[in-house]
Amino acid sequence: MTAARAGGPDRVLTEDEVTEFVVTQLSTLAADGRSVCVLVPDGTRTCPLPLLIRAVHRALHGRVSRLTILIALGTHGAMSDEALIRHLGIPPGGYPGTEVLNHEWWKPETFADLGTIPAARIEELSDGRMSGDVEVLLNRAVAEHDIALVVGPVLPHEVVGMSGGNKYFFPGVGGQKIIDVSHWLGALITSAEIIGTTGLTPVRALINDGAALIPAEKYAFSVVTAETEGAAPDSDKSPALHSISFGDCIESWASAAEISAATHVTYLDRPVRRVLSLIPAMYDEIWTGAKGFYKVEPVVADGGEVILYAPHITEIATSHPQIHEIGYHCRDYFVQQWDRFAGIHWGVLAHSTHLRGAGTYDAATGAERLRVDVTLATGIPEDVCRAVNLGYRDPATVDPADFAADPDTLVVPRAGEVLFRLR
C-alpha cells in the first residue's frame, strides 16, 4: 500500500488540515465492528498527541467494537494518570468507549508469544557478529485486537536510524529479548554509522521481521513535527506538524522519514570543540536525556566535549540499575571482555556505548581511549557521575549565554530530536 501524505518539509499544517487528513484516511479503513489498538509514544517524544487522538477517536468511536490506547513505553517508567490526561488531552470523563493502558513491560503476563526469528537470520543481519534464535514477545493487547494503529513521530534515532513505524511494536511494546538483540545489534554497528539513516538498516529489518509475526492488521499515522515559536517540549502549546503520512507501518514510516531527514538534520561546515546540549524537561533521567549527546556527537572534534545541561535531572536510570554496575564505555570495552558482560541486559550495554561514542579499548593494558569527553551538568552528585565514568560540572556554573559567545562552542536548545552532522 502506498502511503498518503499531507504537508512537506517547507510547510506547517494547520490543526484543521491534520484533523481532516486523519478522519478522511480512517473513513476508508475497514474498521466497522472490529477492535482497534492505538499505539502512541510516551512523554519523551514531541508530538501533538491530543490533536491526533481527538481526530482518531472522532473517526473511530461508534464504528469499532473496542478502542484501546496503549502507551509504547519500551522500558521507560509508567506514566501516571495525571500525566496521561495531559499527554493525550483526555477530556473530563475520558474518551468515550476507550481504554488507556501503559505497556506494563515489567509483568510477564503482559506478553503474547508470537514465535521466533531464527538464528540464521540474526547472523545474516549482523554480518556474523551475533547468532541465536530470538523469541518475539509482544504486549498481548496488540495481538488481541483486529487492527493495530501506530500514531507517533519519526525522528533521527541512534539504534534504528529513524524512529517510528514498526519501532512502536519493538521495542515499544515488545519483550526483553528482541529489545536486547536489536539494541546491541545497533551498538555493534555504532550509533555514529546508523543514526539518521532513512534506508533499511539491519536493526529496522529485524523489527520488521518481528512485526510480520503480529496477527493484527497494522497501519500508522507517521508525523514530522515542526519547530514553531512556543512549541518547545517544555511549553503548554501543542507542537505543529510539517507532515502526516498514513499507510501500512513500513510505507507510512518511509514517507515520514523522507521529510524528517530534511527537517530534523542540521549541517555544520566544520567540527566544534564543545557542545552545550540544553536538555528539555521531557527527559527526566540520563537514560533518555542522553539523546542530547547522540544527536550532536557527529560534529564534535576529536578530543572535544559534550556537556549535558539538565539541572532538573537527578537520576541516571531508575528502571535500569545495571548501568551503575557497568558505567559508560565504548563498544570495544564490552566486546573485548564479553565473558564479563554477556549476562548484562544488552539494551543496557547498548545505552552505555551510545553515551560514550567512539573509542578504543586495549584488553592487554586495560586502557580505554574515548574520542570525546561527556560531562553532566545536572542534579546528579559528582561522585555518582565519576562512578559511571562520566565527567561532572556544577550546573550553577553554566551560563548558556557565555557558552554561546564562544566561537568554538555550539549551544543546542531543546537538544535530543535534531541531529547535527558535518557537510
Protein backbone atom coordinates (compact mmCIF):
# COMPACT_ATOMS: atom_id res chain seq x y z
CA MET A 1 0.00 0.00 0.00
CA THR A 2 1.35 3.42 -0.96
CA ALA A 3 1.25 5.93 1.89
CA ALA A 4 -0.91 9.03 1.66
CA ARG A 5 0.67 12.23 2.91
CA ALA A 6 -0.32 15.77 3.76
CA GLY A 7 2.29 18.51 4.13
CA GLY A 8 6.00 18.64 3.41
CA PRO A 9 9.33 19.96 4.70
CA ASP A 10 8.54 23.55 3.73
CA ARG A 11 5.03 23.57 5.16
CA VAL A 12 3.34 23.70 8.54
CA LEU A 13 -0.07 22.09 8.65
CA THR A 14 -3.00 23.69 10.42
CA GLU A 15 -4.88 21.73 13.06
CA ASP A 16 -7.88 21.57 10.75
CA GLU A 17 -5.75 20.08 7.98
CA VAL A 18 -4.39 17.43 10.35
CA THR A 19 -7.85 16.53 11.66
CA GLU A 20 -9.33 16.34 8.18
CA PHE A 21 -6.50 14.09 6.99
CA VAL A 22 -6.90 11.66 9.91
CA VAL A 23 -10.68 11.48 9.61
CA THR A 24 -10.55 11.06 5.83
CA GLN A 25 -7.95 8.29 5.93
CA LEU A 26 -9.73 6.34 8.66
CA SER A 27 -13.08 6.67 6.88
CA THR A 28 -11.75 4.24 4.26
CA LEU A 29 -10.36 1.77 6.83
CA ALA A 30 -12.37 -1.44 7.19
CA ALA A 31 -12.76 -0.97 10.95
CA ASP A 32 -16.53 -1.25 11.47
CA GLY A 33 -17.35 -3.79 14.16
CA ARG A 34 -13.65 -4.58 14.71
CA SER A 35 -11.30 -3.84 17.61
CA VAL A 36 -8.50 -1.26 17.30
CA CYS A 37 -5.39 -0.82 19.45
CA VAL A 38 -3.75 2.60 19.05
CA LEU A 39 -0.05 2.68 19.95
CA VAL A 40 1.36 6.07 20.95
CA PRO A 41 4.68 7.35 22.36
CA ASP A 42 5.22 8.27 25.97
CA GLY A 43 6.19 11.74 27.15
CA THR A 44 9.75 11.52 25.81
CA ARG A 45 8.69 12.46 22.27
CA THR A 46 7.49 15.80 20.93
CA CYS A 47 4.15 15.23 19.24
CA PRO A 48 0.70 16.91 19.18
CA LEU A 49 -0.92 13.77 20.56
CA PRO A 50 -4.08 15.44 21.92
CA LEU A 51 -4.87 16.73 18.42
CA LEU A 52 -4.16 13.37 16.81
CA ILE A 53 -6.02 11.28 19.39
CA ARG A 54 -9.08 13.54 19.23
CA ALA A 55 -9.15 13.02 15.47
CA VAL A 56 -8.66 9.26 15.73
CA HIS A 57 -11.40 8.98 18.35
CA ARG A 58 -13.74 11.11 16.27
CA ALA A 59 -13.17 8.84 13.26
CA LEU A 60 -13.48 5.50 15.07
CA HIS A 61 -15.81 5.93 18.04
CA GLY A 62 -19.17 4.33 17.35
CA ARG A 63 -17.73 2.29 14.48
CA VAL A 64 -15.37 -0.09 16.27
CA SER A 65 -16.20 -2.79 18.78
CA ARG A 66 -13.35 -1.83 21.10
CA LEU A 67 -10.82 1.02 21.18
CA THR A 68 -7.65 0.82 23.26
CA ILE A 69 -4.81 3.33 23.54
CA LEU A 70 -1.52 1.68 24.53
CA ILE A 71 1.47 3.78 25.64
CA ALA A 72 4.61 2.38 24.00
CA LEU A 73 6.95 2.76 26.95
CA GLY A 74 9.68 0.44 25.73
CA THR A 75 11.36 0.03 29.12
CA HIS A 76 10.67 3.56 30.37
CA GLY A 77 8.73 4.21 33.56
CA ALA A 78 4.93 4.15 33.52
CA MET A 79 3.04 7.41 33.05
CA SER A 80 0.78 8.49 35.91
CA ASP A 81 -2.93 9.11 35.44
CA GLU A 82 -2.31 12.85 35.67
CA ALA A 83 0.47 12.68 33.08
CA LEU A 84 -1.72 10.62 30.75
CA ILE A 85 -4.50 13.21 30.92
CA ARG A 86 -2.08 15.92 29.77
CA HIS A 87 -0.26 13.70 27.30
CA LEU A 88 -3.37 12.51 25.46
CA GLY A 89 -5.56 15.54 26.05
CA ILE A 90 -8.12 13.35 27.83
CA PRO A 91 -11.29 15.39 28.46
CA PRO A 92 -13.27 15.21 31.72
CA GLY A 93 -14.96 11.83 31.69
CA GLY A 94 -12.37 10.43 29.31
CA TYR A 95 -12.68 9.46 25.66
CA PRO A 96 -15.99 7.53 25.48
CA GLY A 97 -15.61 3.83 24.78
CA THR A 98 -11.82 3.99 25.07
CA GLU A 99 -9.40 2.26 27.46
CA VAL A 100 -5.95 3.75 28.09
CA LEU A 101 -3.12 1.40 29.13
CA ASN A 102 0.54 1.74 30.00
CA HIS A 103 2.69 -1.01 28.48
CA GLU A 104 3.49 -2.91 31.67
CA TRP A 105 6.75 -4.39 30.43
CA TRP A 106 7.74 -5.47 33.94
CA LYS A 107 4.87 -8.01 34.08
CA PRO A 108 5.46 -11.32 32.22
CA GLU A 109 1.72 -11.84 31.84
CA THR A 110 1.64 -8.70 29.69
CA PHE A 111 3.10 -10.57 26.72
CA ALA A 112 1.92 -12.91 23.98
CA ASP A 113 4.44 -15.22 22.31
CA LEU A 114 4.44 -14.69 18.53
CA GLY A 115 7.22 -17.14 17.65
CA THR A 116 10.92 -16.69 16.88
CA ILE A 117 13.28 -15.04 14.46
CA PRO A 118 15.76 -17.84 13.58
CA ALA A 119 19.47 -17.71 14.33
CA ALA A 120 20.34 -17.79 10.63
CA ARG A 121 18.50 -14.52 10.11
CA ILE A 122 20.27 -12.90 13.07
CA GLU A 123 23.62 -13.99 11.65
CA GLU A 124 22.66 -12.51 8.27
CA LEU A 125 21.57 -9.16 9.70
CA SER A 126 24.62 -8.85 11.94
CA ASP A 127 27.20 -9.98 9.36
CA GLY A 128 28.06 -12.87 11.65
CA ARG A 129 28.54 -10.74 14.77
CA MET A 130 25.54 -12.31 16.54
CA SER A 131 23.67 -15.60 16.50
CA GLY A 132 20.87 -17.44 18.30
CA ASP A 133 17.10 -17.58 17.92
CA VAL A 134 15.21 -14.50 19.13
CA GLU A 135 11.87 -15.01 20.81
CA VAL A 136 9.29 -12.44 19.77
CA LEU A 137 7.09 -11.39 22.67
CA LEU A 138 4.55 -8.60 22.23
CA ASN A 139 2.07 -6.88 24.50
CA ARG A 140 -0.99 -9.10 24.22
CA ALA A 141 -3.26 -6.06 23.87
CA VAL A 142 -1.91 -5.67 20.33
CA ALA A 143 -2.21 -9.35 19.48
CA GLU A 144 -5.78 -9.46 20.79
CA HIS A 145 -7.08 -6.59 18.64
CA ASP A 146 -8.01 -6.84 14.98
CA ILE A 147 -6.19 -3.65 13.97
CA ALA A 148 -3.02 -2.05 15.37
CA LEU A 149 -2.72 1.67 14.60
CA VAL A 150 0.56 3.45 15.35
CA VAL A 151 0.36 7.19 15.93
CA GLY A 152 3.67 8.95 16.51
CA PRO A 153 6.62 11.00 15.25
CA VAL A 154 9.55 9.99 13.07
CA LEU A 155 12.94 11.34 14.19
CA PRO A 156 16.63 10.53 13.75
CA HIS A 157 17.37 7.61 16.10
CA GLU A 158 20.60 6.18 17.43
CA VAL A 159 19.61 2.49 17.28
CA VAL A 160 17.39 2.09 14.23
CA GLY A 161 18.30 5.08 12.02
CA MET A 162 14.91 6.80 12.03
CA SER A 163 12.35 6.16 14.75
CA GLY A 164 8.67 5.40 14.21
CA GLY A 165 6.65 2.82 12.32
CA ASN A 166 7.24 -0.75 13.47
CA LYS A 167 9.55 0.53 16.21
CA TYR A 168 6.39 1.17 18.22
CA PHE A 169 5.99 -2.61 18.44
CA PHE A 170 9.68 -3.41 19.07
CA PRO A 171 10.93 -2.11 21.43
CA GLY A 172 7.81 -0.01 22.10
CA VAL A 173 5.67 -2.84 23.47
CA GLY A 174 7.97 -5.80 22.88
CA GLY A 175 9.67 -8.35 25.13
CA GLN A 176 13.16 -8.12 26.59
CA LYS A 177 14.94 -10.48 24.17
CA ILE A 178 14.12 -8.65 20.97
CA ILE A 179 14.81 -5.33 22.69
CA ASP A 180 18.24 -6.53 23.80
CA VAL A 181 19.18 -8.05 20.45
CA SER A 182 18.00 -5.06 18.40
CA HIS A 183 19.79 -2.55 20.61
CA TRP A 184 23.04 -4.49 20.79
CA LEU A 185 22.97 -5.02 17.04
CA GLY A 186 22.71 -1.24 16.67
CA ALA A 187 25.56 -0.75 19.14
CA LEU A 188 27.82 -3.15 17.24
CA ILE A 189 27.19 -1.18 14.06
CA THR A 190 27.62 2.00 16.18
CA SER A 191 25.31 4.95 16.61
CA ALA A 192 27.58 7.19 14.54
CA GLU A 193 27.03 4.98 11.49
CA ILE A 194 23.34 4.26 11.92
CA ILE A 195 21.77 7.46 13.30
CA GLY A 196 19.62 9.37 10.83
CA THR A 197 19.73 6.63 8.17
CA THR A 198 16.48 6.62 6.18
CA GLY A 199 17.06 3.30 4.44
CA LEU A 200 16.52 -0.23 5.70
CA THR A 201 19.13 -0.61 8.43
CA PRO A 202 19.80 -4.09 9.87
CA VAL A 203 18.01 -3.08 13.07
CA ARG A 204 14.92 -1.92 11.20
CA ALA A 205 14.98 -5.12 9.17
CA LEU A 206 14.99 -7.05 12.45
CA ILE A 207 12.00 -5.21 13.90
CA ASN A 208 10.17 -5.51 10.58
CA ASP A 209 10.68 -9.27 10.81
CA GLY A 210 9.21 -9.25 14.29
CA ALA A 211 6.26 -7.10 13.19
CA ALA A 212 5.50 -9.53 10.36
CA LEU A 213 4.54 -12.08 13.04
CA ILE A 214 1.84 -9.84 14.52
CA PRO A 215 -1.63 -11.23 13.68
CA ALA A 216 -3.34 -7.82 13.67
CA GLU A 217 -3.57 -5.60 10.59
CA LYS A 218 -1.01 -2.83 11.02
CA TYR A 219 -1.27 0.83 9.98
CA ALA A 220 0.43 4.05 11.04
CA PHE A 221 -0.01 7.78 11.14
CA SER A 222 3.64 8.88 11.00
CA VAL A 223 4.16 12.57 11.72
CA VAL A 224 7.04 15.02 11.49
CA THR A 225 6.95 17.85 14.00
CA ALA A 226 7.78 21.45 13.17
CA GLU A 227 9.88 23.84 15.23
CA THR A 228 7.47 26.70 15.84
CA GLU A 229 7.57 29.52 18.37
CA GLY A 230 6.08 28.48 21.70
CA ALA A 231 6.02 24.81 20.74
CA ALA A 232 9.07 23.64 22.67
CA PRO A 233 8.76 20.37 24.58
CA ASP A 234 8.52 22.34 27.85
CA SER A 235 5.71 24.54 26.52
CA ASP A 236 1.99 24.09 27.08
CA LYS A 237 1.45 24.88 23.42
CA SER A 238 0.99 21.87 21.16
CA PRO A 239 3.73 21.46 18.53
CA ALA A 240 2.78 21.84 14.90
CA LEU A 241 3.44 19.34 12.09
CA HIS A 242 5.33 19.56 8.85
CA SER A 243 3.64 16.43 7.58
CA ILE A 244 1.48 13.45 8.39
CA SER A 245 1.57 10.17 6.45
CA PHE A 246 -0.83 7.23 6.55
CA GLY A 247 -0.48 3.69 5.27
CA ASP A 248 0.94 0.39 6.42
CA CYS A 249 3.66 0.74 9.03
CA ILE A 250 6.51 0.42 6.53
CA GLU A 251 5.26 2.77 3.81
CA SER A 252 3.96 5.38 6.26
CA TRP A 253 7.28 5.38 8.11
CA ALA A 254 9.29 5.70 4.88
CA SER A 255 7.18 8.65 3.77
CA ALA A 256 7.75 10.47 7.07
CA ALA A 257 11.45 9.55 7.24
CA GLU A 258 11.98 11.36 3.94
CA ILE A 259 10.52 14.54 5.44
CA SER A 260 12.32 14.16 8.78
CA ALA A 261 15.68 13.87 7.02
CA ALA A 262 15.01 17.30 5.54
CA THR A 263 13.70 18.95 8.71
CA HIS A 264 15.48 17.28 11.64
CA VAL A 265 19.08 17.23 10.41
CA THR A 266 21.27 20.36 10.70
CA TYR A 267 24.59 20.52 8.85
CA LEU A 268 27.71 22.34 10.01
CA ASP A 269 30.66 23.30 7.84
CA ARG A 270 33.28 22.41 10.46
CA PRO A 271 33.52 20.49 13.72
CA VAL A 272 33.23 22.28 17.05
CA ARG A 273 35.39 21.86 20.12
CA ARG A 274 32.47 21.78 22.55
CA VAL A 275 28.70 21.35 22.57
CA LEU A 276 26.38 22.52 25.33
CA SER A 277 23.18 20.49 25.00
CA LEU A 278 20.25 22.05 26.84
CA ILE A 279 18.16 19.03 27.84
CA PRO A 280 14.38 19.65 27.91
CA ALA A 281 12.20 18.65 30.86
CA MET A 282 10.56 15.81 28.90
CA TYR A 283 13.77 13.85 29.55
CA ASP A 284 13.74 13.21 33.29
CA GLU A 285 16.81 10.96 33.60
CA ILE A 286 20.05 10.33 31.73
CA TRP A 287 18.60 7.18 30.14
CA THR A 288 16.53 9.46 27.89
CA GLY A 289 18.45 12.73 28.30
CA ALA A 290 21.46 11.06 26.68
CA LYS A 291 19.79 11.84 23.36
CA GLY A 292 21.36 15.27 23.82
CA PHE A 293 24.70 13.53 23.19
CA TYR A 294 23.73 11.09 20.43
CA LYS A 295 22.42 13.85 18.18
CA VAL A 296 25.49 16.12 18.46
CA GLU A 297 28.44 13.72 18.67
CA PRO A 298 28.98 13.70 14.87
CA VAL A 299 30.01 17.39 14.87
CA VAL A 300 32.38 17.32 17.86
CA ALA A 301 36.09 17.41 17.07
CA ASP A 302 38.38 14.65 18.34
CA GLY A 303 39.26 15.43 21.95
CA GLY A 304 36.23 17.70 22.31
CA GLU A 305 33.49 17.75 24.92
CA VAL A 306 29.72 17.46 25.15
CA ILE A 307 28.09 18.96 28.23
CA LEU A 308 24.58 17.78 29.03
CA TYR A 309 22.99 20.67 30.91
CA ALA A 310 19.95 19.46 32.82
CA PRO A 311 19.65 20.75 36.39
CA HIS A 312 16.25 19.01 36.62
CA ILE A 313 17.73 15.51 36.13
CA THR A 314 18.65 13.75 39.37
CA GLU A 315 18.82 10.10 38.24
CA ILE A 316 20.90 8.07 35.79
CA ALA A 317 18.27 5.40 35.03
CA THR A 318 15.59 4.46 37.54
CA SER A 319 14.44 1.38 35.61
CA HIS A 320 17.92 0.15 34.67
CA PRO A 321 20.16 -0.06 37.76
CA GLN A 322 22.62 -2.27 35.85
CA ILE A 323 24.09 0.87 34.30
CA HIS A 324 25.56 1.68 37.73
CA GLU A 325 27.34 -1.69 37.68
CA ILE A 326 28.99 -1.25 34.30
CA GLY A 327 29.24 2.52 33.80
CA TYR A 328 29.62 4.17 30.39
CA HIS A 329 32.18 2.84 27.92
CA CYS A 330 32.90 2.47 24.22
CA ARG A 331 31.74 -0.59 22.28
CA ASP A 332 35.10 -2.37 22.27
CA TYR A 333 35.34 -2.19 26.06
CA PHE A 334 32.48 -4.71 26.18
CA VAL A 335 33.27 -6.70 23.04
CA GLN A 336 36.80 -7.45 24.22
CA GLN A 337 35.57 -8.51 27.68
CA TRP A 338 32.44 -10.33 26.58
CA ASP A 339 32.66 -13.12 29.15
CA ARG A 340 32.47 -10.47 31.85
CA PHE A 341 29.49 -8.59 30.43
CA ALA A 342 27.40 -11.11 28.46
CA GLY A 343 25.00 -11.51 31.40
CA ILE A 344 24.08 -7.81 31.46
CA HIS A 345 20.97 -6.82 29.51
CA TRP A 346 22.29 -5.99 26.06
CA GLY A 347 19.99 -2.97 25.86
CA VAL A 348 21.86 -1.54 28.87
CA LEU A 349 25.21 -2.26 27.22
CA ALA A 350 23.98 -0.50 24.08
CA HIS A 351 22.86 2.56 26.04
CA SER A 352 26.29 2.67 27.68
CA THR A 353 28.13 2.68 24.35
CA HIS A 354 25.82 5.24 22.78
CA LEU A 355 26.58 7.80 25.50
CA ARG A 356 30.35 7.36 25.24
CA GLY A 357 30.55 7.23 21.46
CA ALA A 358 33.62 6.14 19.54
CA GLY A 359 36.67 4.84 21.31
CA THR A 360 39.16 2.01 21.64
CA TYR A 361 39.99 -0.50 24.35
CA ASP A 362 43.23 -2.42 24.78
CA ALA A 363 42.45 -5.65 26.65
CA ALA A 364 46.14 -6.27 27.35
CA THR A 365 46.65 -3.00 29.21
CA GLY A 366 43.09 -2.18 30.26
CA ALA A 367 43.45 1.24 28.63
CA GLU A 368 40.30 2.83 27.19
CA ARG A 369 40.60 5.85 24.92
CA LEU A 370 37.43 7.77 24.14
CA ARG A 371 37.05 10.17 21.24
CA VAL A 372 35.19 12.86 23.18
CA ASP A 373 34.50 13.73 26.81
CA VAL A 374 30.97 13.63 28.23
CA THR A 375 30.19 15.92 31.15
CA LEU A 376 26.98 16.01 33.17
CA ALA A 377 25.84 19.41 34.47
CA THR A 378 22.79 18.00 36.22
CA GLY A 379 21.33 17.40 39.66
CA ILE A 380 23.25 14.12 39.88
CA PRO A 381 26.04 14.24 42.52
CA GLU A 382 29.64 14.35 41.37
CA ASP A 383 30.56 11.01 42.95
CA VAL A 384 27.77 9.26 41.03
CA CYS A 385 28.88 10.83 37.74
CA ARG A 386 32.51 9.79 38.29
CA ALA A 387 31.49 6.28 39.34
CA VAL A 388 29.82 5.65 35.97
CA ASN A 389 32.77 7.09 34.01
CA LEU A 390 31.22 10.46 33.17
CA GLY A 391 32.50 13.95 33.88
CA TYR A 392 30.86 16.38 36.30
CA ARG A 393 30.25 20.11 36.29
CA ASP A 394 28.23 22.12 38.77
CA PRO A 395 25.16 23.28 36.79
CA ALA A 396 25.20 26.57 38.71
CA THR A 397 28.41 27.45 36.84
CA VAL A 398 26.79 27.07 33.43
CA ASP A 399 25.53 30.22 31.71
CA PRO A 400 24.32 29.28 28.20
CA ALA A 401 24.81 32.88 27.01
CA ASP A 402 28.51 32.73 27.90
CA PHE A 403 28.91 29.44 26.05
CA ALA A 404 27.08 30.83 23.02
CA ALA A 405 29.61 33.68 22.82
CA ASP A 406 32.44 31.16 22.34
CA PRO A 407 33.01 30.56 18.60
CA ASP A 408 34.26 27.03 19.32
CA THR A 409 31.09 26.07 21.20
CA LEU A 410 27.71 25.05 19.82
CA VAL A 411 24.75 25.61 22.14
CA VAL A 412 21.79 23.37 21.26
CA PRO A 413 18.42 24.35 22.72
CA ARG A 414 15.84 21.59 23.28
CA ALA A 415 18.52 19.02 22.50
CA GLY A 416 17.56 15.46 21.67
CA GLU A 417 15.50 15.43 18.49
CA VAL A 418 17.50 17.32 15.85
CA LEU A 419 20.59 15.54 14.50
CA PHE A 420 23.75 17.55 13.77
CA ARG A 421 26.09 16.43 11.01
CA LEU A 422 29.10 17.75 9.13
CA ARG A 423 28.70 18.53 5.45
